Amino acid sequence: MRATRRSVMVLTGGFLFIASNAMAAELVLFELASCPWCTIWNRTIGPIYPKSEVGRRAPLRRVALGDGIPAGLTLKGPIRYTPTFVLVEEGREVDRIEGYSGEDFFWARIEALVGRRPPSP
C-alpha cells in the first residue's frame, strides 16, 4: 500500500509539473553574431531581462539564426530580421517583435505581448 501511494504521488506531482511547464511562455531570441542591433540588445537589455517581471514570465532562449529552427518550435513564418523576438507558448509562436530600435520600444512591446498572456500557474 505504501509503495502504491508514493508512486501515485510521484506520478501526480510529475503530471502537475509537466502541465504547468506546458502552459509557460518563453521568449525565443533569434540572433546573429554579426548583427549590430543584437549586440546592442545584448549589452543594454540582455543583463536585465531575466530580472524583469516579463523575463520571469517569459524566460529567454537564444537561437543562432544559422542553426535553424529548434525542434518542437512552430513559427507562423520565416525569420527575416535580426534580432527577432518570438513569444512562444506550448511550442507555438504567439507573436513576435522584429528588430530592435531601442530600450523604450522593446520594453513597451514586450510588456504588451507578455502582459496579454495569462500568468503561468
PDB file of N, CA and C in Angstrom:
ATOM      1  N   MET A   1       0.825  -1.201   0.000  1.00  0.00           N
ATOM      2  CA  MET A   1       0.000   0.000   0.000  1.00  0.00           C
ATOM      3  C   MET A   1       0.861   1.254   0.000  1.00  0.00           C
ATOM      4  N   ARG A   2       1.909   1.296   0.829  1.00  0.00           N
ATOM      5  CA  ARG A   2       2.770   2.470   0.881  1.00  0.00           C
ATOM      6  C   ARG A   2       3.447   2.725  -0.453  1.00  0.00           C
ATOM      7  N   ALA A   3       3.977   1.687  -1.071  1.00  0.00           N
ATOM      8  CA  ALA A   3       4.659   1.853  -2.355  1.00  0.00           C
ATOM      9  C   ALA A   3       3.690   2.395  -3.407  1.00  0.00           C
ATOM     10  N   THR A   4       2.472   1.915  -3.364  1.00  0.00           N
ATOM     11  CA  THR A   4       1.480   2.382  -4.331  1.00  0.00           C
ATOM     12  C   THR A   4       1.165   3.859  -4.112  1.00  0.00           C
ATOM     13  N   ARG A   5       0.991   4.272  -2.876  1.00  0.00           N
ATOM     14  CA  ARG A   5       0.669   5.660  -2.594  1.00  0.00           C
ATOM     15  C   ARG A   5       1.812   6.573  -3.025  1.00  0.00           C
ATOM     16  N   ARG A   6       3.042   6.199  -2.763  1.00  0.00           N
ATOM     17  CA  ARG A   6       4.195   7.001  -3.185  1.00  0.00           C
ATOM     18  C   ARG A   6       4.244   7.120  -4.702  1.00  0.00           C
ATOM     19  N   SER A   7       3.988   6.015  -5.383  1.00  0.00           N
ATOM     20  CA  SER A   7       4.012   6.050  -6.845  1.00  0.00           C
ATOM     21  C   SER A   7       2.968   7.014  -7.384  1.00  0.00           C
ATOM     22  N   VAL A   8       1.792   6.994  -6.811  1.00  0.00           N
ATOM     23  CA  VAL A   8       0.734   7.891  -7.267  1.00  0.00           C
ATOM     24  C   VAL A   8       1.126   9.337  -6.998  1.00  0.00           C
ATOM     25  N   MET A   9       1.707   9.599  -5.833  1.00  0.00           N
ATOM     26  CA  MET A   9       2.113  10.961  -5.514  1.00  0.00           C
ATOM     27  C   MET A   9       3.192  11.438  -6.478  1.00  0.00           C
ATOM     28  N   VAL A  10       4.152  10.595  -6.778  1.00  0.00           N
ATOM     29  CA  VAL A  10       5.212  10.967  -7.707  1.00  0.00           C
ATOM     30  C   VAL A  10       4.637  11.197  -9.090  1.00  0.00           C
ATOM     31  N   LEU A  11       3.765  10.279  -9.528  1.00  0.00           N
ATOM     32  CA  LEU A  11       3.152  10.449 -10.842  1.00  0.00           C
ATOM     33  C   LEU A  11       2.287  11.702 -10.889  1.00  0.00           C
ATOM     34  N   THR A  12       1.515  11.934  -9.840  1.00  0.00           N
ATOM     35  CA  THR A  12       0.676  13.121  -9.806  1.00  0.00           C
ATOM     36  C   THR A  12       1.534  14.371  -9.801  1.00  0.00           C
ATOM     37  N   GLY A  13       2.559  14.385  -8.960  1.00  0.00           N
ATOM     38  CA  GLY A  13       3.454  15.539  -8.923  1.00  0.00           C
ATOM     39  C   GLY A  13       4.133  15.757 -10.254  1.00  0.00           C
ATOM     40  N   GLY A  14       4.573  14.688 -10.900  1.00  0.00           N
ATOM     41  CA  GLY A  14       5.201  14.808 -12.214  1.00  0.00           C
ATOM     42  C   GLY A  14       4.234  15.343 -13.245  1.00  0.00           C
ATOM     43  N   PHE A  15       2.992  14.896 -13.184  1.00  0.00           N
ATOM     44  CA  PHE A  15       1.982  15.378 -14.127  1.00  0.00           C
ATOM     45  C   PHE A  15       1.735  16.868 -13.931  1.00  0.00           C
ATOM     46  N   LEU A  16       1.609  17.291 -12.689  1.00  0.00           N
ATOM     47  CA  LEU A  16       1.375  18.713 -12.434  1.00  0.00           C
ATOM     48  C   LEU A  16       2.551  19.554 -12.908  1.00  0.00           C
ATOM     49  N   PHE A  17       3.758  19.077 -12.697  1.00  0.00           N
ATOM     50  CA  PHE A  17       4.946  19.805 -13.138  1.00  0.00           C
ATOM     51  C   PHE A  17       4.945  19.933 -14.655  1.00  0.00           C
ATOM     52  N   ILE A  18       4.666  18.847 -15.347  1.00  0.00           N
ATOM     53  CA  ILE A  18       4.642  18.870 -16.808  1.00  0.00           C
ATOM     54  C   ILE A  18       3.533  19.798 -17.295  1.00  0.00           C
ATOM     55  N   ALA A  19       2.372  19.726 -16.681  1.00  0.00           N
ATOM     56  CA  ALA A  19       1.261  20.569 -17.121  1.00  0.00           C
ATOM     57  C   ALA A  19       1.579  22.039 -16.930  1.00  0.00           C
ATOM     58  N   SER A  20       2.190  22.413 -15.799  1.00  0.00           N
ATOM     59  CA  SER A  20       2.481  23.825 -15.589  1.00  0.00           C
ATOM     60  C   SER A  20       3.561  24.303 -16.541  1.00  0.00           C
ATOM     61  N   ASN A  21       4.526  23.478 -16.876  1.00  0.00           N
ATOM     62  CA  ASN A  21       5.552  23.881 -17.829  1.00  0.00           C
ATOM     63  C   ASN A  21       4.998  23.996 -19.236  1.00  0.00           C
ATOM     64  N   ALA A  22       4.036  23.178 -19.593  1.00  0.00           N
ATOM     65  CA  ALA A  22       3.473  23.232 -20.936  1.00  0.00           C
ATOM     66  C   ALA A  22       2.760  24.555 -21.173  1.00  0.00           C
ATOM     67  N   MET A  23       2.214  25.153 -20.145  1.00  0.00           N
ATOM     68  CA  MET A  23       1.499  26.409 -20.286  1.00  0.00           C
ATOM     69  C   MET A  23       2.441  27.610 -20.244  1.00  0.00           C
ATOM     70  N   ALA A  24       3.660  27.445 -19.788  1.00  0.00           N
ATOM     71  CA  ALA A  24       4.583  28.555 -19.614  1.00  0.00           C
ATOM     72  C   ALA A  24       5.000  29.137 -20.959  1.00  0.00           C
ATOM     73  N   ALA A  25       5.192  30.447 -20.955  1.00  0.00           N
ATOM     74  CA  ALA A  25       5.668  31.145 -22.150  1.00  0.00           C
ATOM     75  C   ALA A  25       7.186  31.245 -22.094  1.00  0.00           C
ATOM     76  N   GLU A  26       7.782  31.422 -23.264  1.00  0.00           N
ATOM     77  CA  GLU A  26       9.200  31.745 -23.334  1.00  0.00           C
ATOM     78  C   GLU A  26       9.399  32.719 -24.481  1.00  0.00           C
ATOM     79  N   LEU A  27      10.476  33.475 -24.387  1.00  0.00           N
ATOM     80  CA  LEU A  27      10.829  34.409 -25.439  1.00  0.00           C
ATOM     81  C   LEU A  27      12.049  33.845 -26.146  1.00  0.00           C
ATOM     82  N   VAL A  28      11.899  33.536 -27.417  1.00  0.00           N
ATOM     83  CA  VAL A  28      12.997  32.978 -28.201  1.00  0.00           C
ATOM     84  C   VAL A  28      13.614  34.119 -29.002  1.00  0.00           C
ATOM     85  N   LEU A  29      14.896  34.337 -28.776  1.00  0.00           N
ATOM     86  CA  LEU A  29      15.643  35.384 -29.466  1.00  0.00           C
ATOM     87  C   LEU A  29      16.435  34.757 -30.602  1.00  0.00           C
ATOM     88  N   PHE A  30      16.100  35.121 -31.822  1.00  0.00           N
ATOM     89  CA  PHE A  30      16.869  34.699 -32.992  1.00  0.00           C
ATOM     90  C   PHE A  30      17.867  35.809 -33.287  1.00  0.00           C
ATOM     91  N   GLU A  31      19.155  35.454 -33.302  1.00  0.00           N
ATOM     92  CA  GLU A  31      20.204  36.456 -33.449  1.00  0.00           C
ATOM     93  C   GLU A  31      21.342  35.948 -34.320  1.00  0.00           C
ATOM     94  N   LEU A  32      22.165  36.880 -34.742  1.00  0.00           N
ATOM     95  CA  LEU A  32      23.384  36.576 -35.490  1.00  0.00           C
ATOM     96  C   LEU A  32      24.548  37.265 -34.802  1.00  0.00           C
ATOM     97  N   ALA A  33      25.702  36.614 -34.780  1.00  0.00           N
ATOM     98  CA  ALA A  33      26.889  37.218 -34.170  1.00  0.00           C
ATOM     99  C   ALA A  33      27.279  38.507 -34.884  1.00  0.00           C
ATOM    100  N   SER A  34      27.007  38.605 -36.172  1.00  0.00           N
ATOM    101  CA  SER A  34      27.380  39.781 -36.961  1.00  0.00           C
ATOM    102  C   SER A  34      26.341  40.905 -36.916  1.00  0.00           C
ATOM    103  N   CYS A  35      25.274  40.740 -36.175  1.00  0.00           N
ATOM    104  CA  CYS A  35      24.180  41.717 -36.128  1.00  0.00           C
ATOM    105  C   CYS A  35      24.486  42.816 -35.097  1.00  0.00           C
ATOM    106  N   PRO A  36      24.670  44.071 -35.550  1.00  0.00           N
ATOM    107  CA  PRO A  36      24.982  45.141 -34.601  1.00  0.00           C
ATOM    108  C   PRO A  36      23.833  45.427 -33.630  1.00  0.00           C
ATOM    109  N   TRP A  37      22.586  45.285 -34.080  1.00  0.00           N
ATOM    110  CA  TRP A  37      21.450  45.526 -33.192  1.00  0.00           C
ATOM    111  C   TRP A  37      21.323  44.431 -32.134  1.00  0.00           C
ATOM    112  N   CYS A  38      21.727  43.213 -32.483  1.00  0.00           N
ATOM    113  CA  CYS A  38      21.763  42.124 -31.496  1.00  0.00           C
ATOM    114  C   CYS A  38      22.787  42.455 -30.412  1.00  0.00           C
ATOM    115  N   THR A  39      23.940  42.962 -30.827  1.00  0.00           N
ATOM    116  CA  THR A  39      24.998  43.332 -29.882  1.00  0.00           C
ATOM    117  C   THR A  39      24.506  44.418 -28.932  1.00  0.00           C
ATOM    118  N   ILE A  40      23.828  45.421 -29.478  1.00  0.00           N
ATOM    119  CA  ILE A  40      23.298  46.498 -28.635  1.00  0.00           C
ATOM    120  C   ILE A  40      22.266  45.941 -27.659  1.00  0.00           C
ATOM    121  N   TRP A  41      21.348  45.086 -28.137  1.00  0.00           N
ATOM    122  CA  TRP A  41      20.348  44.493 -27.246  1.00  0.00           C
ATOM    123  C   TRP A  41      21.032  43.677 -26.148  1.00  0.00           C
ATOM    124  N   ASN A  42      22.014  42.882 -26.534  1.00  0.00           N
ATOM    125  CA  ASN A  42      22.725  42.052 -25.557  1.00  0.00           C
ATOM    126  C   ASN A  42      23.426  42.899 -24.501  1.00  0.00           C
ATOM    127  N   ARG A  43      23.906  44.060 -24.883  1.00  0.00           N
ATOM    128  CA  ARG A  43      24.614  44.926 -23.943  1.00  0.00           C
ATOM    129  C   ARG A  43      23.637  45.703 -23.052  1.00  0.00           C
ATOM    130  N   THR A  44      22.541  46.191 -23.625  1.00  0.00           N
ATOM    131  CA  THR A  44      21.642  47.056 -22.855  1.00  0.00           C
ATOM    132  C   THR A  44      20.518  46.310 -22.142  1.00  0.00           C
ATOM    133  N   ILE A  45      19.902  45.362 -22.800  1.00  0.00           N
ATOM    134  CA  ILE A  45      18.730  44.668 -22.246  1.00  0.00           C
ATOM    135  C   ILE A  45      19.081  43.281 -21.720  1.00  0.00           C
ATOM    136  N   GLY A  46      19.976  42.594 -22.406  1.00  0.00           N
ATOM    137  CA  GLY A  46      20.312  41.211 -22.061  1.00  0.00           C
ATOM    138  C   GLY A  46      20.563  40.951 -20.586  1.00  0.00           C
ATOM    139  N   PRO A  47      21.385  41.786 -19.913  1.00  0.00           N
ATOM    140  CA  PRO A  47      21.671  41.510 -18.500  1.00  0.00           C
ATOM    141  C   PRO A  47      20.477  41.725 -17.566  1.00  0.00           C
ATOM    142  N   ILE A  48      19.555  42.615 -17.928  1.00  0.00           N
ATOM    143  CA  ILE A  48      18.450  42.909 -17.011  1.00  0.00           C
ATOM    144  C   ILE A  48      17.152  42.181 -17.360  1.00  0.00           C
ATOM    145  N   TYR A  49      17.044  41.664 -18.573  1.00  0.00           N
ATOM    146  CA  TYR A  49      15.803  40.999 -18.975  1.00  0.00           C
ATOM    147  C   TYR A  49      15.410  39.871 -18.012  1.00  0.00           C
ATOM    148  N   PRO A  50      16.324  38.959 -17.644  1.00  0.00           N
ATOM    149  CA  PRO A  50      15.901  37.854 -16.760  1.00  0.00           C
ATOM    150  C   PRO A  50      15.461  38.319 -15.369  1.00  0.00           C
ATOM    151  N   LYS A  51      15.856  39.528 -14.966  1.00  0.00           N
ATOM    152  CA  LYS A  51      15.494  40.060 -13.650  1.00  0.00           C
ATOM    153  C   LYS A  51      14.155  40.791 -13.673  1.00  0.00           C
ATOM    154  N   SER A  52      13.630  41.044 -14.865  1.00  0.00           N
ATOM    155  CA  SER A  52      12.380  41.799 -15.001  1.00  0.00           C
ATOM    156  C   SER A  52      11.173  40.879 -14.820  1.00  0.00           C
ATOM    157  N   GLU A  53      10.013  41.497 -14.600  1.00  0.00           N
ATOM    158  CA  GLU A  53       8.773  40.723 -14.476  1.00  0.00           C
ATOM    159  C   GLU A  53       8.480  39.958 -15.764  1.00  0.00           C
ATOM    160  N   VAL A  54       8.625  40.617 -16.918  1.00  0.00           N
ATOM    161  CA  VAL A  54       8.374  39.910 -18.178  1.00  0.00           C
ATOM    162  C   VAL A  54       9.400  38.811 -18.394  1.00  0.00           C
ATOM    163  N   GLY A  55      10.617  39.012 -17.942  1.00  0.00           N
ATOM    164  CA  GLY A  55      11.651  37.982 -18.059  1.00  0.00           C
ATOM    165  C   GLY A  55      11.351  36.762 -17.211  1.00  0.00           C
ATOM    166  N   ARG A  56      10.695  36.973 -16.089  1.00  0.00           N
ATOM    167  CA  ARG A  56      10.290  35.834 -15.248  1.00  0.00           C
ATOM    168  C   ARG A  56       9.083  35.122 -15.852  1.00  0.00           C
ATOM    169  N   ARG A  57       8.199  35.883 -16.489  1.00  0.00           N
ATOM    170  CA  ARG A  57       7.003  35.276 -17.096  1.00  0.00           C
ATOM    171  C   ARG A  57       7.304  34.603 -18.425  1.00  0.00           C
ATOM    172  N   ALA A  58       8.330  35.106 -19.141  1.00  0.00           N
ATOM    173  CA  ALA A  58       8.711  34.540 -20.441  1.00  0.00           C
ATOM    174  C   ALA A  58      10.238  34.491 -20.510  1.00  0.00           C
ATOM    175  N   PRO A  59      10.845  33.468 -19.894  1.00  0.00           N
ATOM    176  CA  PRO A  59      12.308  33.360 -19.892  1.00  0.00           C
ATOM    177  C   PRO A  59      12.876  33.334 -21.310  1.00  0.00           C
ATOM    178  N   LEU A  60      14.098  33.818 -21.435  1.00  0.00           N
ATOM    179  CA  LEU A  60      14.758  33.957 -22.731  1.00  0.00           C
ATOM    180  C   LEU A  60      15.454  32.668 -23.149  1.00  0.00           C
ATOM    181  N   ARG A  61      15.263  32.310 -24.410  1.00  0.00           N
ATOM    182  CA  ARG A  61      16.041  31.230 -25.033  1.00  0.00           C
ATOM    183  C   ARG A  61      16.672  31.816 -26.285  1.00  0.00           C
ATOM    184  N   ARG A  62      17.972  31.669 -26.419  1.00  0.00           N
ATOM    185  CA  ARG A  62      18.706  32.220 -27.559  1.00  0.00           C
ATOM    186  C   ARG A  62      18.885  31.164 -28.639  1.00  0.00           C
ATOM    187  N   VAL A  63      18.712  31.599 -29.893  1.00  0.00           N
ATOM    188  CA  VAL A  63      18.922  30.716 -31.034  1.00  0.00           C
ATOM    189  C   VAL A  63      19.743  31.484 -32.063  1.00  0.00           C
ATOM    190  N   ALA A  64      20.882  30.910 -32.446  1.00  0.00           N
ATOM    191  CA  ALA A  64      21.668  31.486 -33.532  1.00  0.00           C
ATOM    192  C   ALA A  64      20.921  31.205 -34.829  1.00  0.00           C
ATOM    193  N   LEU A  65      20.643  32.243 -35.596  1.00  0.00           N
ATOM    194  CA  LEU A  65      19.805  32.088 -36.780  1.00  0.00           C
ATOM    195  C   LEU A  65      20.351  31.045 -37.746  1.00  0.00           C
ATOM    196  N   GLY A  66      21.647  30.931 -37.868  1.00  0.00           N
ATOM    197  CA  GLY A  66      22.244  29.945 -38.761  1.00  0.00           C
ATOM    198  C   GLY A  66      22.047  28.505 -38.322  1.00  0.00           C
ATOM    199  N   ASP A  67      21.630  28.295 -37.066  1.00  0.00           N
ATOM    200  CA  ASP A  67      21.427  26.935 -36.551  1.00  0.00           C
ATOM    201  C   ASP A  67      20.069  26.360 -36.927  1.00  0.00           C
ATOM    202  N   GLY A  68      19.214  27.142 -37.540  1.00  0.00           N
ATOM    203  CA  GLY A  68      17.888  26.663 -37.918  1.00  0.00           C
ATOM    204  C   GLY A  68      16.893  26.783 -36.782  1.00  0.00           C
ATOM    205  N   ILE A  69      15.692  26.349 -37.043  1.00  0.00           N
ATOM    206  CA  ILE A  69      14.605  26.412 -36.066  1.00  0.00           C
ATOM    207  C   ILE A  69      14.717  25.197 -35.150  1.00  0.00           C
ATOM    208  N   PRO A  70      14.718  25.406 -33.827  1.00  0.00           N
ATOM    209  CA  PRO A  70      14.813  24.269 -32.907  1.00  0.00           C
ATOM    210  C   PRO A  70      13.650  23.295 -33.072  1.00  0.00           C
ATOM    211  N   ALA A  71      13.927  22.035 -32.840  1.00  0.00           N
ATOM    212  CA  ALA A  71      12.885  21.006 -32.881  1.00  0.00           C
ATOM    213  C   ALA A  71      11.812  21.346 -31.855  1.00  0.00           C
ATOM    214  N   GLY A  72      10.575  21.095 -32.215  1.00  0.00           N
ATOM    215  CA  GLY A  72       9.469  21.335 -31.300  1.00  0.00           C
ATOM    216  C   GLY A  72       8.968  22.768 -31.288  1.00  0.00           C
ATOM    217  N   LEU A  73       9.515  23.618 -32.156  1.00  0.00           N
ATOM    218  CA  LEU A  73       9.091  25.012 -32.222  1.00  0.00           C
ATOM    219  C   LEU A  73       8.404  25.261 -33.562  1.00  0.00           C
ATOM    220  N   THR A  74       7.172  25.745 -33.499  1.00  0.00           N
ATOM    221  CA  THR A  74       6.407  26.039 -34.707  1.00  0.00           C
ATOM    222  C   THR A  74       6.249  27.546 -34.836  1.00  0.00           C
ATOM    223  N   LEU A  75       6.759  28.083 -35.944  1.00  0.00           N
ATOM    224  CA  LEU A  75       6.674  29.518 -36.199  1.00  0.00           C
ATOM    225  C   LEU A  75       5.553  29.814 -37.181  1.00  0.00           C
ATOM    226  N   LYS A  76       5.028  31.038 -37.131  1.00  0.00           N
ATOM    227  CA  LYS A  76       3.993  31.468 -38.073  1.00  0.00           C
ATOM    228  C   LYS A  76       4.578  31.805 -39.434  1.00  0.00           C
ATOM    229  N   GLY A  77       5.859  32.095 -39.480  1.00  0.00           N
ATOM    230  CA  GLY A  77       6.512  32.465 -40.730  1.00  0.00           C
ATOM    231  C   GLY A  77       8.013  32.475 -40.545  1.00  0.00           C
ATOM    232  N   PRO A  78       8.759  32.741 -41.619  1.00  0.00           N
ATOM    233  CA  PRO A  78      10.219  32.715 -41.535  1.00  0.00           C
ATOM    234  C   PRO A  78      10.768  33.894 -40.723  1.00  0.00           C
ATOM    235  N   ILE A  79      11.962  33.706 -40.204  1.00  0.00           N
ATOM    236  CA  ILE A  79      12.681  34.784 -39.526  1.00  0.00           C
ATOM    237  C   ILE A  79      13.436  35.548 -40.605  1.00  0.00           C
ATOM    238  N   ARG A  80      13.128  36.830 -40.748  1.00  0.00           N
ATOM    239  CA  ARG A  80      13.735  37.628 -41.820  1.00  0.00           C
ATOM    240  C   ARG A  80      14.700  38.675 -41.304  1.00  0.00           C
ATOM    241  N   TYR A  81      14.584  39.055 -40.043  1.00  0.00           N
ATOM    242  CA  TYR A  81      15.401  40.126 -39.479  1.00  0.00           C
ATOM    243  C   TYR A  81      16.025  39.656 -38.181  1.00  0.00           C
ATOM    244  N   THR A  82      17.152  40.262 -37.843  1.00  0.00           N
ATOM    245  CA  THR A  82      17.740  40.016 -36.528  1.00  0.00           C
ATOM    246  C   THR A  82      17.951  41.358 -35.847  1.00  0.00           C
ATOM    247  N   PRO A  83      17.703  41.378 -34.558  1.00  0.00           N
ATOM    248  CA  PRO A  83      17.134  40.283 -33.783  1.00  0.00           C
ATOM    249  C   PRO A  83      15.629  40.159 -34.030  1.00  0.00           C
ATOM    250  N   THR A  84      15.132  38.958 -33.864  1.00  0.00           N
ATOM    251  CA  THR A  84      13.691  38.715 -33.838  1.00  0.00           C
ATOM    252  C   THR A  84      13.384  38.005 -32.529  1.00  0.00           C
ATOM    253  N   PHE A  85      12.407  38.535 -31.813  1.00  0.00           N
ATOM    254  CA  PHE A  85      11.985  38.001 -30.522  1.00  0.00           C
ATOM    255  C   PHE A  85      10.628  37.341 -30.730  1.00  0.00           C
ATOM    256  N   VAL A  86      10.559  36.041 -30.480  1.00  0.00           N
ATOM    257  CA  VAL A  86       9.325  35.290 -30.712  1.00  0.00           C
ATOM    258  C   VAL A  86       8.777  34.819 -29.367  1.00  0.00           C
ATOM    259  N   LEU A  87       7.571  35.258 -29.044  1.00  0.00           N
ATOM    260  CA  LEU A  87       6.897  34.789 -27.843  1.00  0.00           C
ATOM    261  C   LEU A  87       6.258  33.447 -28.167  1.00  0.00           C
ATOM    262  N   VAL A  88       6.590  32.428 -27.375  1.00  0.00           N
ATOM    263  CA  VAL A  88       6.177  31.050 -27.646  1.00  0.00           C
ATOM    264  C   VAL A  88       5.426  30.497 -26.441  1.00  0.00           C
ATOM    265  N   GLU A  89       4.336  29.800 -26.717  1.00  0.00           N
ATOM    266  CA  GLU A  89       3.613  29.034 -25.700  1.00  0.00           C
ATOM    267  C   GLU A  89       3.324  27.660 -26.267  1.00  0.00           C
ATOM    268  N   GLU A  90       3.591  26.648 -25.481  1.00  0.00           N
ATOM    269  CA  GLU A  90       3.356  25.257 -25.877  1.00  0.00           C
ATOM    270  C   GLU A  90       4.006  24.942 -27.223  1.00  0.00           C
ATOM    271  N   GLY A  91       5.181  25.521 -27.460  1.00  0.00           N
ATOM    272  CA  GLY A  91       5.940  25.230 -28.668  1.00  0.00           C
ATOM    273  C   GLY A  91       5.477  25.962 -29.913  1.00  0.00           C
ATOM    274  N   ARG A  92       4.490  26.855 -29.770  1.00  0.00           N
ATOM    275  CA  ARG A  92       3.943  27.577 -30.925  1.00  0.00           C
ATOM    276  C   ARG A  92       4.114  29.086 -30.752  1.00  0.00           C
ATOM    277  N   GLU A  93       4.439  29.736 -31.854  1.00  0.00           N
ATOM    278  CA  GLU A  93       4.563  31.190 -31.839  1.00  0.00           C
ATOM    279  C   GLU A  93       3.221  31.835 -31.529  1.00  0.00           C
ATOM    280  N   VAL A  94       3.262  32.779 -30.598  1.00  0.00           N
ATOM    281  CA  VAL A  94       2.089  33.569 -30.245  1.00  0.00           C
ATOM    282  C   VAL A  94       2.173  34.924 -30.951  1.00  0.00           C
ATOM    283  N   ASP A  95       3.345  35.531 -30.897  1.00  0.00           N
ATOM    284  CA  ASP A  95       3.568  36.837 -31.512  1.00  0.00           C
ATOM    285  C   ASP A  95       5.071  37.052 -31.608  1.00  0.00           C
ATOM    286  N   ARG A  96       5.472  38.133 -32.279  1.00  0.00           N
ATOM    287  CA  ARG A  96       6.901  38.411 -32.418  1.00  0.00           C
ATOM    288  C   ARG A  96       7.166  39.898 -32.508  1.00  0.00           C
ATOM    289  N   ILE A  97       8.415  40.237 -32.207  1.00  0.00           N
ATOM    290  CA  ILE A  97       8.949  41.579 -32.405  1.00  0.00           C
ATOM    291  C   ILE A  97      10.118  41.417 -33.355  1.00  0.00           C
ATOM    292  N   GLU A  98      10.063  42.107 -34.482  1.00  0.00           N
ATOM    293  CA  GLU A  98      11.151  42.031 -35.457  1.00  0.00           C
ATOM    294  C   GLU A  98      12.010  43.279 -35.322  1.00  0.00           C
ATOM    295  N   GLY A  99      13.294  43.059 -35.098  1.00  0.00           N
ATOM    296  CA  GLY A  99      14.231  44.166 -34.980  1.00  0.00           C
ATOM    297  C   GLY A  99      14.302  44.722 -33.572  1.00  0.00           C
ATOM    298  N   TYR A 100      15.229  45.657 -33.399  1.00  0.00           N
ATOM    299  CA  TYR A 100      15.421  46.329 -32.115  1.00  0.00           C
ATOM    300  C   TYR A 100      15.749  47.783 -32.405  1.00  0.00           C
ATOM    301  N   SER A 101      14.900  48.680 -31.915  1.00  0.00           N
ATOM    302  CA  SER A 101      15.133  50.099 -32.177  1.00  0.00           C
ATOM    303  C   SER A 101      15.279  50.908 -30.899  1.00  0.00           C
ATOM    304  N   GLY A 102      15.635  50.240 -29.820  1.00  0.00           N
ATOM    305  CA  GLY A 102      15.889  50.948 -28.573  1.00  0.00           C
ATOM    306  C   GLY A 102      15.146  50.348 -27.400  1.00  0.00           C
ATOM    307  N   GLU A 103      15.633  50.743 -26.215  1.00  0.00           N
ATOM    308  CA  GLU A 103      15.105  50.190 -24.972  1.00  0.00           C
ATOM    309  C   GLU A 103      13.619  50.486 -24.770  1.00  0.00           C
ATOM    310  N   ASP A 104      13.233  51.739 -24.956  1.00  0.00           N
ATOM    311  CA  ASP A 104      11.837  52.115 -24.697  1.00  0.00           C
ATOM    312  C   ASP A 104      10.875  51.327 -25.575  1.00  0.00           C
ATOM    313  N   PHE A 105      11.182  51.236 -26.866  1.00  0.00           N
ATOM    314  CA  PHE A 105      10.327  50.491 -27.790  1.00  0.00           C
ATOM    315  C   PHE A 105      10.268  49.014 -27.395  1.00  0.00           C
ATOM    316  N   PHE A 106      11.427  48.418 -27.088  1.00  0.00           N
ATOM    317  CA  PHE A 106      11.457  46.999 -26.736  1.00  0.00           C
ATOM    318  C   PHE A 106      10.598  46.733 -25.501  1.00  0.00           C
ATOM    319  N   TRP A 107      10.821  47.502 -24.417  1.00  0.00           N
ATOM    320  CA  TRP A 107      10.087  47.245 -23.179  1.00  0.00           C
ATOM    321  C   TRP A 107       8.586  47.437 -23.379  1.00  0.00           C
ATOM    322  N   ALA A 108       8.206  48.472 -24.114  1.00  0.00           N
ATOM    323  CA  ALA A 108       6.774  48.695 -24.356  1.00  0.00           C
ATOM    324  C   ALA A 108       6.161  47.524 -25.122  1.00  0.00           C
ATOM    325  N   ARG A 109       6.830  47.070 -26.158  1.00  0.00           N
ATOM    326  CA  ARG A 109       6.301  45.965 -26.978  1.00  0.00           C
ATOM    327  C   ARG A 109       6.260  44.654 -26.201  1.00  0.00           C
ATOM    328  N   ILE A 110       7.367  44.305 -25.523  1.00  0.00           N
ATOM    329  CA  ILE A 110       7.415  43.003 -24.845  1.00  0.00           C
ATOM    330  C   ILE A 110       6.446  42.980 -23.659  1.00  0.00           C
ATOM    331  N   GLU A 111       6.315  44.100 -22.953  1.00  0.00           N
ATOM    332  CA  GLU A 111       5.353  44.148 -21.847  1.00  0.00           C
ATOM    333  C   GLU A 111       3.926  44.011 -22.368  1.00  0.00           C
ATOM    334  N   ALA A 112       3.648  44.598 -23.528  1.00  0.00           N
ATOM    335  CA  ALA A 112       2.315  44.445 -24.120  1.00  0.00           C
ATOM    336  C   ALA A 112       2.065  42.996 -24.534  1.00  0.00           C
ATOM    337  N   LEU A 113       3.057  42.356 -25.156  1.00  0.00           N
ATOM    338  CA  LEU A 113       2.884  40.966 -25.602  1.00  0.00           C
ATOM    339  C   LEU A 113       2.712  40.020 -24.424  1.00  0.00           C
ATOM    340  N   VAL A 114       3.605  40.103 -23.464  1.00  0.00           N
ATOM    341  CA  VAL A 114       3.566  39.179 -22.326  1.00  0.00           C
ATOM    342  C   VAL A 114       2.403  39.531 -21.406  1.00  0.00           C
ATOM    343  N   GLY A 115       2.105  40.808 -21.288  1.00  0.00           N
ATOM    344  CA  GLY A 115       1.019  41.245 -20.414  1.00  0.00           C
ATOM    345  C   GLY A 115      -0.346  40.752 -20.852  1.00  0.00           C
ATOM    346  N   ARG A 116      -0.516  40.476 -22.142  1.00  0.00           N
ATOM    347  CA  ARG A 116      -1.796  39.946 -22.641  1.00  0.00           C
ATOM    348  C   ARG A 116      -1.969  38.467 -22.320  1.00  0.00           C
ATOM    349  N   ARG A 117      -0.892  37.784 -21.973  1.00  0.00           N
ATOM    350  CA  ARG A 117      -0.945  36.348 -21.713  1.00  0.00           C
ATOM    351  C   ARG A 117      -1.317  36.113 -20.262  1.00  0.00           C
ATOM    352  N   PRO A 118      -2.094  35.083 -19.969  1.00  0.00           N
ATOM    353  CA  PRO A 118      -2.370  34.763 -18.565  1.00  0.00           C
ATOM    354  C   PRO A 118      -1.093  34.294 -17.879  1.00  0.00           C
ATOM    355  N   PRO A 119      -0.899  34.666 -16.602  1.00  0.00           N
ATOM    356  CA  PRO A 119       0.307  34.219 -15.898  1.00  0.00           C
ATOM    357  C   PRO A 119       0.339  32.703 -15.749  1.00  0.00           C
ATOM    358  N   SER A 120       1.544  32.163 -15.727  1.00  0.00           N
ATOM    359  CA  SER A 120       1.710  30.719 -15.519  1.00  0.00           C
ATOM    360  C   SER A 120       1.326  30.377 -14.096  1.00  0.00           C
ATOM    361  N   PRO A 121       0.786  29.189 -13.864  1.00  0.00           N
ATOM    362  CA  PRO A 121       0.394  28.789 -12.501  1.00  0.00           C
ATOM    363  C   PRO A 121       1.592  28.616 -11.610  1.00  0.00           C
TER     364      PRO A 121
END
